[in-house]
C-alpha atoms as a PDB file:
ATOM      1  CA  MET A   1      39.255  91.226 -79.719  1.00  0.00           C
ATOM      2  CA  LYS A   2      37.855  87.906 -78.553  1.00  0.00           C
ATOM      3  CA  ILE A   3      38.718  86.848 -75.011  1.00  0.00           C
ATOM      4  CA  PRO A   4      38.135  83.206 -74.024  1.00  0.00           C
ATOM      5  CA  ALA A   5      35.309  82.851 -71.475  1.00  0.00           C
ATOM      6  CA  PRO A   6      37.571  81.599 -68.642  1.00  0.00           C
ATOM      7  CA  MET A   7      39.927  84.534 -69.133  1.00  0.00           C
ATOM      8  CA  LEU A   8      36.990  86.973 -69.247  1.00  0.00           C
ATOM      9  CA  ALA A   9      35.641  85.535 -66.023  1.00  0.00           C
ATOM     10  CA  LEU A  10      39.005  85.996 -64.344  1.00  0.00           C
ATOM     11  CA  ALA A  11      39.339  89.522 -65.695  1.00  0.00           C
ATOM     12  CA  LEU A  12      35.911  90.509 -64.375  1.00  0.00           C
ATOM     13  CA  GLY A  13      36.440  88.806 -61.032  1.00  0.00           C
ATOM     14  CA  ILE A  14      33.621  86.284 -61.578  1.00  0.00           C
ATOM     15  CA  THR A  15      33.982  83.052 -59.725  1.00  0.00           C
ATOM     16  CA  ALA A  16      32.612  79.824 -61.150  1.00  0.00           C
ATOM     17  CA  LEU A  17      30.202  77.792 -59.062  1.00  0.00           C
ATOM     18  CA  ALA A  18      29.678  74.064 -59.176  1.00  0.00           C
ATOM     19  CA  GLU A  19      27.048  73.189 -61.744  1.00  0.00           C
ATOM     20  CA  ASP A  20      23.634  72.244 -60.354  1.00  0.00           C
ATOM     21  CA  ASP A  21      22.605  68.815 -61.600  1.00  0.00           C
ATOM     22  CA  GLY A  22      18.955  69.914 -61.674  1.00  0.00           C
ATOM     23  CA  LYS A  23      17.853  67.577 -58.899  1.00  0.00           C
ATOM     24  CA  LEU A  24      15.886  68.790 -55.924  1.00  0.00           C
ATOM     25  CA  THR A  25      17.475  67.992 -52.596  1.00  0.00           C
ATOM     26  CA  ILE A  26      15.190  67.090 -49.703  1.00  0.00           C
ATOM     27  CA  GLU A  27      16.356  67.017 -46.131  1.00  0.00           C
ATOM     28  CA  ILE A  28      15.416  63.615 -44.679  1.00  0.00           C
ATOM     29  CA  PRO A  29      15.301  63.041 -40.914  1.00  0.00           C
ATOM     30  CA  SER A  30      17.697  60.345 -39.695  1.00  0.00           C
ATOM     31  CA  SER A  31      14.789  58.323 -38.250  1.00  0.00           C
ATOM     32  CA  VAL A  32      13.175  58.179 -41.713  1.00  0.00           C
ATOM     33  CA  GLN A  33      16.510  57.202 -43.284  1.00  0.00           C
ATOM     34  CA  ALA A  34      16.932  54.412 -40.716  1.00  0.00           C
ATOM     35  CA  THR A  35      13.446  53.028 -41.420  1.00  0.00           C
ATOM     36  CA  ILE A  36      14.049  53.078 -45.184  1.00  0.00           C
ATOM     37  CA  ALA A  37      17.363  51.257 -44.715  1.00  0.00           C
ATOM     38  CA  ARG A  38      15.725  48.641 -42.459  1.00  0.00           C
ATOM     39  CA  GLU A  39      12.756  48.082 -44.790  1.00  0.00           C
ATOM     40  CA  LYS A  40      14.771  47.786 -48.011  1.00  0.00           C
ATOM     41  CA  GLY A  41      17.575  45.681 -46.518  1.00  0.00           C
ATOM     42  CA  ASP A  42      20.785  45.039 -48.446  1.00  0.00           C
ATOM     43  CA  SER A  43      19.179  43.935 -51.702  1.00  0.00           C
ATOM     44  CA  GLY A  44      16.402  46.538 -52.024  1.00  0.00           C
ATOM     45  CA  LYS A  45      16.535  49.689 -54.112  1.00  0.00           C
ATOM     46  CA  VAL A  46      14.674  52.972 -53.664  1.00  0.00           C
ATOM     47  CA  ARG A  47      12.748  53.654 -56.879  1.00  0.00           C
ATOM     48  CA  ASP A  48      10.877  56.823 -55.888  1.00  0.00           C
ATOM     49  CA  PHE A  49      10.802  59.236 -52.951  1.00  0.00           C
ATOM     50  CA  ARG A  50       8.270  61.963 -52.198  1.00  0.00           C
ATOM     51  CA  LYS A  51       7.770  64.318 -49.289  1.00  0.00           C
ATOM     52  CA  VAL A  52       4.131  65.273 -48.771  1.00  0.00           C
ATOM     53  CA  ASN A  53       3.179  68.133 -46.474  1.00  0.00           C
ATOM     54  CA  GLU A  54      -0.239  67.364 -45.007  1.00  0.00           C
ATOM     55  CA  PRO A  55      -2.318  69.306 -42.456  1.00  0.00           C
ATOM     56  CA  ASP A  56      -1.499  66.744 -39.755  1.00  0.00           C
ATOM     57  CA  GLY A  57       2.232  66.613 -40.499  1.00  0.00           C
ATOM     58  CA  THR A  58       4.797  65.513 -43.042  1.00  0.00           C
ATOM     59  CA  THR A  59       4.528  62.133 -44.747  1.00  0.00           C
ATOM     60  CA  TYR A  60       7.279  60.463 -46.746  1.00  0.00           C
ATOM     61  CA  ILE A  61       6.188  58.122 -49.541  1.00  0.00           C
ATOM     62  CA  ILE A  62       8.880  55.757 -50.738  1.00  0.00           C
ATOM     63  CA  ALA A  63       8.697  53.201 -53.549  1.00  0.00           C
ATOM     64  CA  ILE A  64      11.211  50.391 -53.089  1.00  0.00           C
ATOM     65  CA  VAL A  65      11.939  47.204 -55.007  1.00  0.00           C
ATOM     66  CA  ILE A  66      12.936  44.108 -53.036  1.00  0.00           C
ATOM     67  CA  ASN A  67      13.516  40.782 -54.811  1.00  0.00           C
ATOM     68  CA  GLU A  68      11.753  42.105 -57.945  1.00  0.00           C
ATOM     69  CA  LYS A  69       8.628  43.050 -55.941  1.00  0.00           C
ATOM     70  CA  ALA A  70       7.570  46.705 -55.767  1.00  0.00           C
ATOM     71  CA  TRP A  71       6.519  48.103 -52.368  1.00  0.00           C
ATOM     72  CA  GLU A  72       5.145  51.473 -51.360  1.00  0.00           C
ATOM     73  CA  LEU A  73       5.928  52.772 -47.871  1.00  0.00           C
ATOM     74  CA  SER A  74       4.309  55.719 -46.120  1.00  0.00           C
ATOM     75  CA  LEU A  75       6.310  57.026 -43.170  1.00  0.00           C
ATOM     76  CA  ASP A  76       5.558  59.802 -40.720  1.00  0.00           C
ATOM     77  CA  ALA A  77       8.208  62.387 -39.802  1.00  0.00           C
ATOM     78  CA  SER A  78       9.483  60.212 -36.932  1.00  0.00           C
ATOM     79  CA  GLY A  79      10.123  57.271 -39.284  1.00  0.00           C
ATOM     80  CA  ARG A  80       7.152  55.183 -38.146  1.00  0.00           C
ATOM     81  CA  VAL A  81       5.667  52.986 -40.882  1.00  0.00           C
ATOM     82  CA  MET A  82       2.129  54.210 -41.436  1.00  0.00           C
ATOM     83  CA  ARG A  83       1.527  51.953 -44.427  1.00  0.00           C
ATOM     84  CA  LYS A  84       3.422  49.242 -46.277  1.00  0.00           C
ATOM     85  CA  ARG A  85       1.760  47.990 -49.445  1.00  0.00           C
ATOM     86  CA  LEU A  86       2.791  45.533 -52.133  1.00  0.00           C
ATOM     87  CA  ASP A  87       2.275  47.148 -55.520  1.00  0.00           C
ATOM     88  CA  THR A  88       0.511  44.337 -57.371  1.00  0.00           C
ATOM     89  CA  GLY A  89      -0.534  46.521 -60.257  1.00  0.00           C
ATOM     90  CA  ASP A  90      -4.016  44.998 -60.224  1.00  0.00           C
ATOM     91  CA  GLY A  91      -5.831  48.071 -59.027  1.00  0.00           C
ATOM     92  CA  ALA A  92      -7.780  48.292 -62.262  1.00  0.00           C
ATOM     93  CA  PRO A  93      -8.797  45.845 -64.970  1.00  0.00           C
ATOM     94  CA  ARG A  94      -6.345  45.373 -67.823  1.00  0.00           C
ATOM     95  CA  ILE A  95      -7.422  45.390 -71.446  1.00  0.00           C
ATOM     96  CA  VAL A  96      -6.240  42.283 -73.335  1.00  0.00           C
ATOM     97  CA  ARG A  97      -6.439  41.198 -76.953  1.00  0.00           C
ATOM     98  CA  ILE A  98      -8.389  38.099 -77.884  1.00  0.00           C
ATOM     99  CA  GLU A  99      -5.177  36.472 -79.154  1.00  0.00           C
ATOM    100  CA  ALA A 100      -3.736  36.719 -75.617  1.00  0.00           C
ATOM    101  CA  LEU A 101      -6.579  34.748 -74.026  1.00  0.00           C
ATOM    102  CA  PRO A 102      -6.114  31.127 -72.994  1.00  0.00           C
ATOM    103  CA  ALA A 103      -7.548  28.816 -75.683  1.00  0.00           C
ATOM    104  CA  ASN A 104     -10.558  27.689 -73.635  1.00  0.00           C
ATOM    105  CA  VAL A 105     -11.476  31.287 -72.723  1.00  0.00           C
ATOM    106  CA  ARG A 106     -11.067  32.456 -76.332  1.00  0.00           C
ATOM    107  CA  THR A 107     -13.279  29.576 -77.582  1.00  0.00           C
ATOM    108  CA  THR A 108     -16.048  30.416 -75.101  1.00  0.00           C
ATOM    109  CA  MET A 109     -15.887  34.146 -75.892  1.00  0.00           C
ATOM    110  CA  GLN A 110     -16.111  33.494 -79.641  1.00  0.00           C
ATOM    111  CA  ARG A 111     -18.900  30.917 -79.212  1.00  0.00           C
ATOM    112  CA  GLU A 112     -20.985  33.259 -77.050  1.00  0.00           C
ATOM    113  CA  ALA A 113     -20.373  36.267 -79.304  1.00  0.00           C
ATOM    114  CA  GLY A 114     -21.529  34.266 -82.339  1.00  0.00           C
ATOM    115  CA  ALA A 115     -21.563  36.545 -85.374  1.00  0.00           C
ATOM    116  CA  GLY A 116     -21.109  39.588 -83.119  1.00  0.00           C
ATOM    117  CA  VAL A 117     -17.919  41.592 -82.872  1.00  0.00           C
ATOM    118  CA  ILE A 118     -15.959  41.221 -79.643  1.00  0.00           C
ATOM    119  CA  GLY A 119     -14.885  44.616 -78.351  1.00  0.00           C
ATOM    120  CA  GLU A 120     -12.521  45.283 -75.461  1.00  0.00           C
ATOM    121  CA  ILE A 121     -11.799  42.366 -73.173  1.00  0.00           C
ATOM    122  CA  GLU A 122     -11.032  43.210 -69.557  1.00  0.00           C
ATOM    123  CA  LEU A 123      -8.880  40.952 -67.443  1.00  0.00           C
ATOM    124  CA  ILE A 124      -9.957  41.326 -63.825  1.00  0.00           C
ATOM    125  CA  GLU A 125      -7.689  39.489 -61.426  1.00  0.00           C
ATOM    126  CA  GLN A 126      -8.835  39.008 -57.883  1.00  0.00           C
ATOM    127  CA  LYS A 127      -6.907  36.932 -55.414  1.00  0.00           C
ATOM    128  CA  THR A 128      -7.864  35.545 -52.057  1.00  0.00           C
ATOM    129  CA  LYS A 129      -6.591  37.703 -49.250  1.00  0.00           C
ATOM    130  CA  TYR A 130      -6.849  37.648 -45.488  1.00  0.00           C
ATOM    131  CA  VAL A 131      -7.344  40.852 -43.532  1.00  0.00           C
ATOM    132  CA  GLY A 132      -6.827  41.296 -39.802  1.00  0.00           C
ATOM    133  CA  GLU A 133      -6.090  43.943 -37.227  1.00  0.00           C
ATOM    134  CA  ALA A 134      -3.162  43.840 -34.827  1.00  0.00           C
ATOM    135  CA  THR A 135      -2.456  45.990 -31.794  1.00  0.00           C
ATOM    136  CA  PHE A 136       1.097  46.861 -30.752  1.00  0.00           C
ATOM    137  CA  GLY A 137       0.814  48.606 -27.404  1.00  0.00           C
ATOM    138  CA  LYS A 138      -1.718  51.291 -28.239  1.00  0.00           C
ATOM    139  CA  ARG A 139      -1.066  51.316 -32.006  1.00  0.00           C
ATOM    140  CA  LYS A 140      -3.560  49.534 -34.267  1.00  0.00           C
ATOM    141  CA  TYR A 141      -2.629  48.199 -37.714  1.00  0.00           C
ATOM    142  CA  ARG A 142      -4.605  46.552 -40.503  1.00  0.00           C
ATOM    143  CA  ILE A 143      -2.675  43.677 -42.104  1.00  0.00           C
ATOM    144  CA  GLU A 144      -3.529  42.041 -45.450  1.00  0.00           C
ATOM    145  CA  VAL A 145      -1.878  38.772 -46.538  1.00  0.00           C
ATOM    146  CA  ASP A 146      -2.490  36.707 -49.692  1.00  0.00           C
ATOM    147  CA  ALA A 147      -3.167  32.960 -49.769  1.00  0.00           C
ATOM    148  CA  ASP A 148       0.564  32.263 -50.217  1.00  0.00           C
ATOM    149  CA  GLY A 149       1.459  34.195 -47.052  1.00  0.00           C
ATOM    150  CA  LEU A 150       2.819  37.260 -48.880  1.00  0.00           C
ATOM    151  CA  LEU A 151       2.212  40.601 -47.144  1.00  0.00           C
ATOM    152  CA  LEU A 152       0.035  42.793 -49.374  1.00  0.00           C
ATOM    153  CA  ASN A 153      -0.638  45.744 -47.085  1.00  0.00           C
ATOM    154  CA  LYS A 154       0.101  46.923 -43.547  1.00  0.00           C
ATOM    155  CA  GLU A 155      -1.594  50.157 -42.566  1.00  0.00           C
ATOM    156  CA  TYR A 156      -1.553  52.198 -39.365  1.00  0.00           C
ATOM    157  CA  LEU A 157      -5.115  52.770 -38.141  1.00  0.00           C
ATOM    158  CA  GLY A 158      -4.433  54.967 -35.136  1.00  0.00           C
ATOM    159  CA  GLU A 159      -4.121  54.756 -31.398  1.00  0.00           C
ATOM    160  CA  ASP A 160      -6.284  52.372 -29.338  1.00  0.00           C
ATOM    161  CA  GLU A 161      -8.170  54.113 -26.591  1.00  0.00           C
END
């Protein structure tokens, strides 16, 4: 005799539990939540969240997108911003095809290669940036800004003695 699964569960006294959606739940201190909310504002979205246990304490690494720009935040357990960095994606050279080069660059490459075969072409983008240190009370930060005034990186350096 076949008994439907719900009836069998009732007959055996098994209670059903809510299904786990497979996501890991991390307890986030309210100070960290407040900093994330302040940094992302109303229009920002959290793209990634990681909790890293380090020898000197817990660090929270959050990737947020604000106005189509990707940022990476590193927060300590008390919610203090240890690092705020614009993810420019130019950490390494990009490989491009010769067809994608601007006409004048393609002409020069082909002229200089002559009868040779042009292999991989790397696009290395480097922008002007300004780097300075700021002290807030005893806390020291390194601040990097591009030529247009856009914040690229803000990093906690430690306490001033």
